């Protein structure tokens, strides 16, 4: 069920969670190939899609 944030408070939409999971999978695949530019690109997209992502601690800290 897709939900908008206004319908039930601060609920993360299901589609956003799927996109974040796919981006994390792509990051792992690019890391295994040694493609650092692609990893950075996926990380940037992940942080844009999911502002509360745990990866922020790696970027900020």
C-alpha atoms as a PDB file:
ATOM      1  CA  UNK A   1       0.000   0.000   0.000  1.00  0.00           C
ATOM      2  CA  UNK A   2       1.459   3.330  -1.042  1.00  0.00           C
ATOM      3  CA  UNK A   3       0.960   6.018   1.566  1.00  0.00           C
ATOM      4  CA  UNK A   4       1.470   9.732   1.459  1.00  0.00           C
ATOM      5  CA  UNK A   5       3.118  11.361   4.476  1.00  0.00           C
ATOM      6  CA  UNK A   6       0.005  13.458   5.143  1.00  0.00           C
ATOM      7  CA  UNK A   7      -2.234  10.397   5.440  1.00  0.00           C
ATOM      8  CA  UNK A   8      -0.544   8.865   8.492  1.00  0.00           C
ATOM      9  CA  UNK A   9       1.971  11.291   9.923  1.00  0.00           C
ATOM     10  CA  UNK A  10       5.623  10.795   9.067  1.00  0.00           C
ATOM     11  CA  UNK A  11       5.294   7.475   7.240  1.00  0.00           C
ATOM     12  CA  UNK A  12       8.024   6.673   4.734  1.00  0.00           C
ATOM     13  CA  UNK A  13       6.343   5.754   1.448  1.00  0.00           C
ATOM     14  CA  UNK A  14       6.751   2.144   0.404  1.00  0.00           C
ATOM     15  CA  UNK A  15       8.157   3.149  -2.985  1.00  0.00           C
ATOM     16  CA  UNK A  16      10.879   5.211  -1.310  1.00  0.00           C
ATOM     17  CA  UNK A  17      11.935   2.211   0.786  1.00  0.00           C
ATOM     18  CA  UNK A  18      12.146   0.066  -2.360  1.00  0.00           C
ATOM     19  CA  UNK A  19      14.249   2.692  -4.168  1.00  0.00           C
ATOM     20  CA  UNK A  20      16.597   2.958  -1.182  1.00  0.00           C
ATOM     21  CA  UNK A  21      17.024  -0.825  -1.059  1.00  0.00           C
ATOM     22  CA  UNK A  22      17.777  -0.962  -4.789  1.00  0.00           C
ATOM     23  CA  UNK A  23      20.323   1.838  -4.471  1.00  0.00           C
ATOM     24  CA  UNK A  24      22.049   0.016  -1.604  1.00  0.00           C
ATOM     25  CA  UNK A  25      22.210  -3.126  -3.740  1.00  0.00           C
ATOM     26  CA  UNK A  26      23.684  -1.144  -6.630  1.00  0.00           C
ATOM     27  CA  UNK A  27      26.270   0.373  -4.275  1.00  0.00           C
ATOM     28  CA  UNK A  28      27.424  -3.086  -3.174  1.00  0.00           C
ATOM     29  CA  UNK A  29      27.680  -4.250  -6.790  1.00  0.00           C
ATOM     30  CA  UNK A  30      29.741  -1.204  -7.770  1.00  0.00           C
ATOM     31  CA  UNK A  31      31.971  -1.598  -4.696  1.00  0.00           C
ATOM     32  CA  UNK A  32      32.732  -5.179  -5.680  1.00  0.00           C
ATOM     33  CA  UNK A  33      33.757  -3.993  -9.150  1.00  0.00           C
ATOM     34  CA  UNK A  34      35.890  -1.174  -7.757  1.00  0.00           C
ATOM     35  CA  UNK A  35      33.819   1.542  -9.436  1.00  0.00           C
ATOM     36  CA  UNK A  36      34.182   4.333  -6.888  1.00  0.00           C
ATOM     37  CA  UNK A  37      32.506   6.999  -9.058  1.00  0.00           C
ATOM     38  CA  UNK A  38      29.408   4.835  -9.422  1.00  0.00           C
ATOM     39  CA  UNK A  39      29.372   4.155  -5.667  1.00  0.00           C
ATOM     40  CA  UNK A  40      29.481   7.892  -4.966  1.00  0.00           C
ATOM     41  CA  UNK A  41      26.689   8.490  -7.479  1.00  0.00           C
ATOM     42  CA  UNK A  42      24.464   5.843  -5.869  1.00  0.00           C
ATOM     43  CA  UNK A  43      25.232   7.182  -2.389  1.00  0.00           C
ATOM     44  CA  UNK A  44      24.255  10.705  -3.465  1.00  0.00           C
ATOM     45  CA  UNK A  45      20.965   9.400  -4.875  1.00  0.00           C
ATOM     46  CA  UNK A  46      20.300   7.334  -1.743  1.00  0.00           C
ATOM     47  CA  UNK A  47      20.785  10.342   0.516  1.00  0.00           C
ATOM     48  CA  UNK A  48      18.419  12.367  -1.665  1.00  0.00           C
ATOM     49  CA  UNK A  49      15.748   9.641  -1.628  1.00  0.00           C
ATOM     50  CA  UNK A  50      15.997   8.796   2.069  1.00  0.00           C
ATOM     51  CA  UNK A  51      16.992  11.777   4.261  1.00  0.00           C
ATOM     52  CA  UNK A  52      17.055   9.609   7.412  1.00  0.00           C
ATOM     53  CA  UNK A  53      19.412   7.005   5.910  1.00  0.00           C
ATOM     54  CA  UNK A  54      22.104   5.654   8.247  1.00  0.00           C
ATOM     55  CA  UNK A  55      24.677   6.408   5.522  1.00  0.00           C
ATOM     56  CA  UNK A  56      24.517  10.082   6.553  1.00  0.00           C
ATOM     57  CA  UNK A  57      26.789   9.241   9.508  1.00  0.00           C
ATOM     58  CA  UNK A  58      29.493   8.153   7.036  1.00  0.00           C
ATOM     59  CA  UNK A  59      29.163  11.359   5.036  1.00  0.00           C
ATOM     60  CA  UNK A  60      28.991  13.789   7.959  1.00  0.00           C
ATOM     61  CA  UNK A  61      31.138  11.972  10.539  1.00  0.00           C
END
